[in-house]
N, C-alpha and C. Protein backbone atom coordinates (compact mmCIF):
# COMPACT_ATOMS: atom_id res chain seq x y z
N UNK A 1 13.00 -20.92 2.70
CA UNK A 1 13.29 -21.68 3.92
C UNK A 1 11.98 -21.48 4.89
N UNK A 2 11.69 -20.30 5.12
CA UNK A 2 10.54 -20.12 5.78
C UNK A 2 9.20 -20.56 5.38
N UNK A 3 8.99 -20.15 3.98
CA UNK A 3 8.02 -20.54 3.48
C UNK A 3 7.59 -21.94 3.43
N UNK A 4 8.45 -22.69 3.51
CA UNK A 4 8.28 -24.29 3.78
C UNK A 4 7.61 -24.51 4.79
N UNK A 5 7.89 -23.64 5.84
CA UNK A 5 7.27 -24.09 7.24
C UNK A 5 5.77 -23.45 7.37
N UNK A 6 5.31 -22.69 6.37
CA UNK A 6 3.86 -22.31 6.50
C UNK A 6 3.03 -23.24 5.95
N UNK A 7 1.83 -23.41 6.37
CA UNK A 7 0.86 -24.13 5.75
C UNK A 7 0.03 -23.75 4.60
N UNK A 8 0.35 -22.36 4.28
CA UNK A 8 -0.41 -21.72 3.37
C UNK A 8 -1.68 -21.18 3.70
N UNK A 9 -2.13 -21.32 4.94
CA UNK A 9 -3.42 -20.64 5.62
C UNK A 9 -2.89 -19.45 6.14
N UNK A 10 -3.57 -18.41 5.99
CA UNK A 10 -3.44 -17.21 6.74
C UNK A 10 -4.70 -16.33 7.16
N UNK A 11 -4.62 -15.42 8.08
CA UNK A 11 -5.74 -14.53 8.37
C UNK A 11 -5.15 -13.23 8.39
N UNK A 12 -6.07 -12.27 8.03
CA UNK A 12 -5.38 -10.55 7.87
C UNK A 12 -6.42 -9.94 8.79
N UNK A 13 -6.02 -9.12 9.60
CA UNK A 13 -6.84 -8.31 10.66
C UNK A 13 -6.29 -6.78 10.62
N UNK A 14 -7.17 -5.89 10.41
CA UNK A 14 -6.87 -4.58 10.61
C UNK A 14 -6.76 -4.33 12.00
N UNK A 15 -5.42 -3.65 12.27
CA UNK A 15 -4.82 -3.67 13.54
C UNK A 15 -5.52 -2.59 14.53
N UNK A 16 -5.16 -1.45 13.73
CA UNK A 16 -5.36 0.01 14.51
C UNK A 16 -5.26 1.13 13.57
N UNK A 17 -6.39 1.91 13.98
CA UNK A 17 -6.37 3.20 13.20
C UNK A 17 -6.46 4.25 14.10
N UNK A 18 -5.52 5.35 14.11
CA UNK A 18 -5.40 6.51 14.91
C UNK A 18 -5.42 7.78 14.22
N UNK A 19 -6.12 8.78 14.58
CA UNK A 19 -6.11 9.99 13.98
C UNK A 19 -6.07 11.25 15.13
N UNK A 20 -4.96 11.86 15.10
CA UNK A 20 -5.09 13.03 16.27
C UNK A 20 -5.02 14.41 15.44
N UNK A 21 -5.61 15.30 15.86
CA UNK A 21 -5.85 16.64 15.54
C UNK A 21 -4.61 17.27 16.19
N UNK A 22 -3.83 18.19 15.45
CA UNK A 22 -2.79 19.03 15.92
C UNK A 22 -3.24 20.44 16.06
N UNK A 23 -3.11 21.09 17.04
CA UNK A 23 -3.37 22.46 17.39
C UNK A 23 -2.13 23.02 16.68
N UNK A 24 -2.34 23.96 15.80
CA UNK A 24 -1.25 24.66 15.08
C UNK A 24 -1.40 26.09 14.98
N UNK A 25 -0.19 26.72 14.62
CA UNK A 25 -0.19 28.11 14.30
C UNK A 25 -0.43 28.40 12.80
N UNK A 26 -0.62 29.69 12.48
CA UNK A 26 -0.71 29.92 10.93
C UNK A 26 0.61 29.60 10.29
N UNK A 27 1.69 29.95 10.99
CA UNK A 27 3.07 29.93 10.25
C UNK A 27 3.31 28.52 10.24
N UNK A 28 3.07 27.55 11.11
CA UNK A 28 3.34 26.19 10.95
C UNK A 28 2.52 25.76 9.72
N UNK A 29 1.35 25.96 9.60
CA UNK A 29 0.65 25.48 8.52
C UNK A 29 1.18 25.95 7.27
N UNK A 30 1.58 27.38 6.99
CA UNK A 30 2.02 27.72 5.71
C UNK A 30 3.54 26.95 5.48
N UNK A 31 4.12 26.62 6.23
CA UNK A 31 5.49 25.76 6.03
C UNK A 31 5.40 24.14 5.95
N UNK A 32 4.27 23.73 6.40
CA UNK A 32 4.13 22.33 6.49
C UNK A 32 4.07 21.58 5.35
N UNK A 33 5.02 20.33 5.31
CA UNK A 33 4.86 19.31 4.06
C UNK A 33 4.26 18.09 4.74
N UNK A 34 3.61 17.36 3.95
CA UNK A 34 3.17 15.98 4.30
C UNK A 34 4.15 14.96 4.02
N UNK A 35 4.45 14.07 4.99
CA UNK A 35 5.35 13.10 4.94
C UNK A 35 4.63 11.69 5.45
N UNK A 36 4.93 10.56 4.91
CA UNK A 36 4.60 9.41 5.34
C UNK A 36 5.54 8.34 5.52
N UNK A 37 5.33 7.38 6.36
CA UNK A 37 6.52 6.48 6.57
C UNK A 37 5.91 5.04 6.88
N UNK A 38 6.39 4.16 6.38
CA UNK A 38 5.93 2.77 6.40
C UNK A 38 6.73 1.96 7.27
N UNK A 39 6.40 1.03 8.11
CA UNK A 39 7.21 0.13 8.99
C UNK A 39 6.47 -1.24 8.79
N UNK A 40 7.44 -2.13 9.05
CA UNK A 40 7.15 -3.53 8.77
C UNK A 40 7.71 -4.39 9.95
N UNK A 41 6.71 -5.16 10.82
CA UNK A 41 7.63 -5.68 11.86
C UNK A 41 6.91 -7.29 11.83
N UNK A 42 7.76 -8.06 12.60
CA UNK A 42 7.22 -9.43 12.67
C UNK A 42 7.45 -10.17 14.04
N UNK A 43 6.83 -11.15 14.27
CA UNK A 43 6.95 -12.03 15.50
C UNK A 43 6.75 -13.32 15.23
N UNK A 44 7.39 -14.40 15.51
CA UNK A 44 7.31 -15.86 15.39
C UNK A 44 6.67 -16.18 16.74
N UNK A 45 5.50 -16.84 16.63
CA UNK A 45 4.77 -17.48 17.75
C UNK A 45 4.68 -18.94 17.51
N UNK A 46 4.09 -19.90 18.62
CA UNK A 46 4.21 -21.08 18.50
C UNK A 46 3.46 -21.66 17.27
N UNK A 47 2.35 -21.04 17.07
CA UNK A 47 1.41 -21.41 16.03
C UNK A 47 1.44 -20.73 14.58
N UNK A 48 1.99 -19.62 14.79
CA UNK A 48 1.99 -18.73 13.61
C UNK A 48 3.08 -17.73 13.50
N UNK A 49 3.17 -17.03 12.15
CA UNK A 49 3.99 -15.84 11.99
C UNK A 49 3.19 -14.86 11.73
N UNK A 50 3.37 -13.70 12.54
CA UNK A 50 2.78 -12.54 12.35
C UNK A 50 3.81 -11.35 11.77
N UNK A 51 3.11 -10.88 10.75
CA UNK A 51 3.85 -9.85 9.87
C UNK A 51 2.92 -8.67 9.87
N UNK A 52 3.39 -7.45 10.38
CA UNK A 52 2.40 -6.32 10.65
C UNK A 52 2.97 -5.06 9.64
N UNK A 53 2.25 -4.54 9.40
CA UNK A 53 2.37 -3.18 8.18
C UNK A 53 1.78 -2.09 8.90
N UNK A 54 2.57 -0.98 9.06
CA UNK A 54 2.16 0.20 9.80
C UNK A 54 2.40 1.58 8.69
N UNK A 55 1.27 2.22 8.38
CA UNK A 55 1.62 3.50 7.79
C UNK A 55 1.31 4.80 8.63
N UNK A 56 2.28 5.55 8.73
CA UNK A 56 2.04 6.82 9.47
C UNK A 56 2.19 8.05 8.63
N UNK A 57 1.09 8.96 8.58
CA UNK A 57 1.20 10.26 8.01
C UNK A 57 1.27 11.46 8.99
N UNK A 58 2.05 12.51 8.59
CA UNK A 58 2.16 13.58 9.40
C UNK A 58 2.84 14.69 8.76
N UNK A 59 2.54 15.86 9.43
CA UNK A 59 3.13 17.06 8.87
C UNK A 59 4.37 17.47 9.56
N UNK A 60 5.35 18.07 8.67
CA UNK A 60 6.46 18.60 9.24
C UNK A 60 6.56 20.05 8.83
N UNK A 61 6.78 21.02 9.77
CA UNK A 61 6.54 20.91 10.94
C UNK A 61 5.21 20.23 11.39
N UNK A 62 5.01 19.99 12.75
CA UNK A 62 3.95 19.28 13.08
C UNK A 62 2.78 20.33 12.93
N UNK A 63 1.59 19.89 12.28
CA UNK A 63 0.51 20.49 12.01
C UNK A 63 -0.55 19.80 11.58
N UNK A 64 -1.85 20.33 11.63
CA UNK A 64 -3.23 19.63 11.09
C UNK A 64 -3.46 18.34 11.87
N UNK A 65 -2.84 17.31 11.60
CA UNK A 65 -3.05 15.98 12.00
C UNK A 65 -2.13 14.81 11.82
N UNK A 66 -2.20 13.85 12.51
CA UNK A 66 -1.36 12.76 12.23
C UNK A 66 -2.32 11.60 12.05
N UNK A 67 -1.99 10.56 11.28
CA UNK A 67 -2.73 9.17 11.02
C UNK A 67 -1.88 7.94 11.13
N UNK A 68 -2.25 7.09 11.75
CA UNK A 68 -1.38 5.80 11.86
C UNK A 68 -2.45 4.72 11.48
N UNK A 69 -2.21 3.88 10.56
CA UNK A 69 -3.02 2.73 10.13
C UNK A 69 -2.31 1.47 10.15
N UNK A 70 -2.76 0.27 10.63
CA UNK A 70 -1.92 -0.77 10.53
C UNK A 70 -2.83 -2.04 10.39
N UNK A 71 -2.12 -3.07 9.88
CA UNK A 71 -2.88 -4.43 9.80
C UNK A 71 -1.70 -5.49 9.88
N UNK A 72 -2.07 -6.49 10.34
CA UNK A 72 -1.23 -7.74 10.18
C UNK A 72 -1.72 -8.98 9.58
N UNK A 73 -0.81 -9.82 9.10
CA UNK A 73 -1.04 -11.16 8.56
C UNK A 73 -0.45 -12.23 9.56
N UNK A 74 -1.42 -13.18 9.77
CA UNK A 74 -0.99 -14.28 10.55
C UNK A 74 -1.00 -15.46 9.72
N UNK A 75 0.39 -16.05 9.45
CA UNK A 75 0.66 -17.21 8.63
C UNK A 75 0.66 -18.37 9.60
N UNK A 76 -0.11 -19.40 9.22
CA UNK A 76 -0.19 -20.53 10.17
C UNK A 76 0.98 -21.33 9.73
N UNK A 77 1.59 -22.00 10.93
CA UNK A 77 2.80 -22.80 10.62
C UNK A 77 2.23 -24.34 10.60
N UNK A 78 3.00 -25.08 9.72
CA UNK A 78 2.63 -26.48 9.64
C UNK A 78 2.91 -27.20 10.75
N UNK A 79 3.96 -26.88 11.75
CA UNK A 79 4.10 -27.45 13.01
C UNK A 79 4.36 -26.52 14.09
N UNK A 80 4.04 -26.95 15.10
CA UNK A 80 4.31 -25.82 16.22
C UNK A 80 5.76 -25.48 16.42
N UNK A 81 6.00 -24.25 16.83
CA UNK A 81 7.54 -23.92 16.96
C UNK A 81 8.29 -24.18 16.00
N UNK A 82 7.95 -24.32 14.72
CA UNK A 82 8.65 -24.43 13.57
C UNK A 82 9.68 -23.41 13.17
N UNK A 83 9.40 -22.27 13.81
CA UNK A 83 10.57 -21.00 13.53
C UNK A 83 11.43 -20.63 14.76
N UNK A 84 11.25 -21.67 15.90
CA UNK A 84 11.80 -21.44 17.08
C UNK A 84 13.35 -21.37 16.95
N UNK A 85 13.98 -22.21 16.06
CA UNK A 85 15.25 -22.17 15.92
C UNK A 85 15.91 -21.29 14.72
N UNK A 86 15.28 -20.53 14.05
CA UNK A 86 15.44 -19.69 13.06
C UNK A 86 16.10 -18.38 13.55
N UNK A 87 17.27 -18.13 13.08
CA UNK A 87 18.16 -17.01 13.44
C UNK A 87 17.36 -15.88 13.01
N UNK A 88 17.28 -14.94 13.87
CA UNK A 88 16.64 -13.52 13.75
C UNK A 88 16.98 -12.94 12.39
N UNK A 89 18.22 -12.93 12.09
CA UNK A 89 18.68 -12.31 10.97
C UNK A 89 18.11 -12.95 9.69
N UNK A 90 18.27 -14.29 9.57
CA UNK A 90 17.83 -15.25 8.49
C UNK A 90 16.23 -14.74 8.33
N UNK A 91 15.43 -14.71 9.52
CA UNK A 91 13.90 -14.20 9.45
C UNK A 91 13.84 -13.00 8.76
N UNK A 92 14.43 -12.09 9.39
CA UNK A 92 14.51 -10.75 8.88
C UNK A 92 14.64 -10.45 7.43
N UNK A 93 15.89 -11.23 6.65
CA UNK A 93 16.16 -11.24 5.28
C UNK A 93 15.07 -11.83 4.60
N UNK A 94 14.54 -12.96 4.83
CA UNK A 94 13.59 -13.49 4.16
C UNK A 94 12.44 -12.72 3.91
N UNK A 95 11.89 -12.32 4.98
CA UNK A 95 10.55 -11.39 5.18
C UNK A 95 10.75 -10.31 4.21
N UNK A 96 12.02 -9.48 4.39
CA UNK A 96 12.07 -8.34 3.78
C UNK A 96 12.44 -8.62 2.41
N UNK A 97 12.85 -9.54 1.95
CA UNK A 97 13.13 -9.92 0.41
C UNK A 97 11.82 -10.15 -0.29
N UNK A 98 10.76 -10.54 0.47
CA UNK A 98 9.61 -10.83 -0.41
C UNK A 98 8.18 -10.40 0.63
N UNK A 99 8.19 -9.24 0.84
CA UNK A 99 7.20 -8.36 1.54
C UNK A 99 5.85 -8.64 0.92
N UNK A 100 5.99 -8.58 -0.48
CA UNK A 100 4.70 -8.88 -1.15
C UNK A 100 3.76 -10.04 -0.65
N UNK A 101 4.69 -11.08 -0.64
CA UNK A 101 4.04 -12.40 -0.02
C UNK A 101 3.57 -12.41 1.22
N UNK A 102 4.53 -12.15 2.30
CA UNK A 102 4.17 -12.11 3.55
C UNK A 102 3.14 -10.96 3.95
N UNK A 103 2.81 -9.92 3.19
CA UNK A 103 1.84 -8.93 3.77
C UNK A 103 0.70 -9.15 2.72
N UNK A 104 0.65 -10.01 1.83
CA UNK A 104 -0.39 -10.42 0.78
C UNK A 104 -0.76 -9.22 0.26
N UNK A 105 0.12 -8.45 -0.57
CA UNK A 105 0.09 -7.25 -1.08
C UNK A 105 -1.25 -7.67 -2.45
N UNK A 106 -1.10 -8.68 -2.87
CA UNK A 106 -2.12 -8.86 -4.12
C UNK A 106 -3.25 -9.01 -3.87
N UNK A 107 -3.64 -9.27 -2.35
CA UNK A 107 -4.90 -9.26 -2.14
C UNK A 107 -5.62 -7.92 -1.81
N UNK A 108 -4.77 -6.93 -1.89
CA UNK A 108 -5.28 -5.50 -1.98
C UNK A 108 -5.24 -4.85 -0.26
N UNK A 109 -4.56 -5.54 0.48
CA UNK A 109 -4.62 -4.87 1.72
C UNK A 109 -4.18 -3.57 1.96
N UNK A 110 -2.94 -3.31 1.11
CA UNK A 110 -2.26 -2.06 1.12
C UNK A 110 -3.28 -0.98 0.52
N UNK A 111 -3.93 -1.27 -0.46
CA UNK A 111 -4.68 -0.44 -1.08
C UNK A 111 -6.02 0.06 -0.24
N UNK A 112 -6.27 -0.85 0.65
CA UNK A 112 -7.20 -0.56 1.68
C UNK A 112 -6.76 0.48 2.70
N UNK A 113 -5.59 0.24 3.16
CA UNK A 113 -5.01 1.16 3.87
C UNK A 113 -5.04 2.48 3.53
N UNK A 114 -4.47 2.70 2.30
CA UNK A 114 -4.58 4.15 1.32
C UNK A 114 -6.11 4.56 1.51
N UNK A 115 -6.84 3.55 1.14
CA UNK A 115 -8.56 4.12 0.92
C UNK A 115 -8.80 4.65 2.61
N UNK A 116 -8.49 3.96 3.49
CA UNK A 116 -8.86 4.24 4.73
C UNK A 116 -8.55 5.78 5.14
N UNK A 117 -7.19 6.05 4.86
CA UNK A 117 -6.57 7.29 4.79
C UNK A 117 -7.12 8.31 4.15
N UNK A 118 -7.64 8.02 3.08
CA UNK A 118 -8.08 8.99 2.17
C UNK A 118 -9.61 9.45 2.72
N UNK A 119 -10.12 8.23 3.20
CA UNK A 119 -11.66 8.43 3.92
C UNK A 119 -11.58 9.41 5.01
N UNK A 120 -10.41 9.08 5.98
CA UNK A 120 -10.27 9.93 7.39
C UNK A 120 -9.97 11.27 6.82
N UNK A 121 -9.20 11.62 5.96
CA UNK A 121 -8.84 13.08 5.50
C UNK A 121 -9.95 13.81 4.68
N UNK A 122 -10.87 13.02 4.18
CA UNK A 122 -11.96 13.67 3.22
C UNK A 122 -13.19 13.74 4.11
N UNK A 123 -13.31 13.01 5.23
CA UNK A 123 -14.60 12.77 5.99
C UNK A 123 -15.31 14.14 6.19
N UNK A 124 -14.72 15.19 6.63
CA UNK A 124 -15.35 16.44 6.86
C UNK A 124 -15.19 17.61 5.93
N UNK A 125 -15.33 17.34 4.70
CA UNK A 125 -14.91 18.33 3.64
C UNK A 125 -13.57 18.58 3.27
N UNK A 126 -12.66 17.91 3.84
CA UNK A 126 -11.19 18.06 3.63
C UNK A 126 -10.90 17.21 2.09
N UNK A 127 -9.60 17.71 1.77
CA UNK A 127 -9.18 17.00 0.49
C UNK A 127 -8.50 15.68 0.81
N UNK A 128 -8.93 14.59 0.09
CA UNK A 128 -8.52 13.45 0.40
C UNK A 128 -6.89 13.37 0.29
N UNK A 129 -6.22 12.72 1.23
CA UNK A 129 -4.81 12.54 0.89
C UNK A 129 -4.74 11.06 0.49
N UNK A 130 -4.17 10.97 -0.84
CA UNK A 130 -4.11 9.77 -1.52
C UNK A 130 -2.60 9.40 -1.53
N UNK A 131 -2.27 8.22 -0.91
CA UNK A 131 -1.01 7.66 -0.88
C UNK A 131 -0.77 6.45 -1.80
N UNK A 132 0.40 6.28 -2.24
CA UNK A 132 0.59 4.93 -3.12
C UNK A 132 0.25 3.65 -2.41
N UNK A 133 -0.43 2.84 -3.17
CA UNK A 133 -0.76 1.70 -2.60
C UNK A 133 0.14 0.52 -2.86
N UNK A 134 1.53 0.95 -2.46
CA UNK A 134 2.67 -0.04 -2.79
C UNK A 134 3.56 -0.17 -1.53
N UNK A 135 4.33 -1.31 -1.19
CA UNK A 135 5.11 -1.52 -0.09
C UNK A 135 6.32 -0.91 -0.25
N UNK A 136 7.00 -0.62 0.80
CA UNK A 136 8.11 0.04 0.72
C UNK A 136 9.23 -0.91 0.14
N UNK A 137 10.36 -0.44 -0.22
CA UNK A 137 11.43 -1.37 -0.69
C UNK A 137 12.25 -1.69 0.36
N UNK A 138 13.05 -3.05 0.32
CA UNK A 138 13.73 -3.24 1.42
C UNK A 138 14.67 -2.28 1.83
N UNK A 139 15.15 -1.42 1.27
CA UNK A 139 16.23 -0.58 1.73
C UNK A 139 15.62 0.79 2.35
N UNK A 140 14.12 0.78 2.13
CA UNK A 140 13.46 1.94 2.89
C UNK A 140 13.04 1.58 4.11
N UNK A 141 13.11 0.26 4.37
CA UNK A 141 12.94 -0.31 5.77
C UNK A 141 13.88 -0.39 6.91
N UNK A 142 15.27 -0.24 6.20
CA UNK A 142 16.32 -0.52 7.14
C UNK A 142 17.51 0.79 7.04
């Protein structure tokens, strides 16, 4: 239903990269485990649908660093305000059921996010953190 309202044209933008060093104690470093979390968000605008992907990695307990990298895909609409009367739950269900399409996974953008994280973590002689270049499942998002 929503795909029918898209023109097929889209643009992709690296939205944000943040890396923060965490001052830590030796005890917190010894017990720290690396975790990552993926988030997907979307907004319908008059001329496009924006779908954003954000990956955050951090240690628990808090140690070493945190990194957040995000990008978004703007899908052009065939007609202005084409999504204005679409129920929010319908929009959510359709986007979550086909994240690969809405985030253009086959174009390699998620792999680029993983590569950016690896580059940041290995930039000063550290071991690169390599995360899977795959999208979260629908159940992982909700």
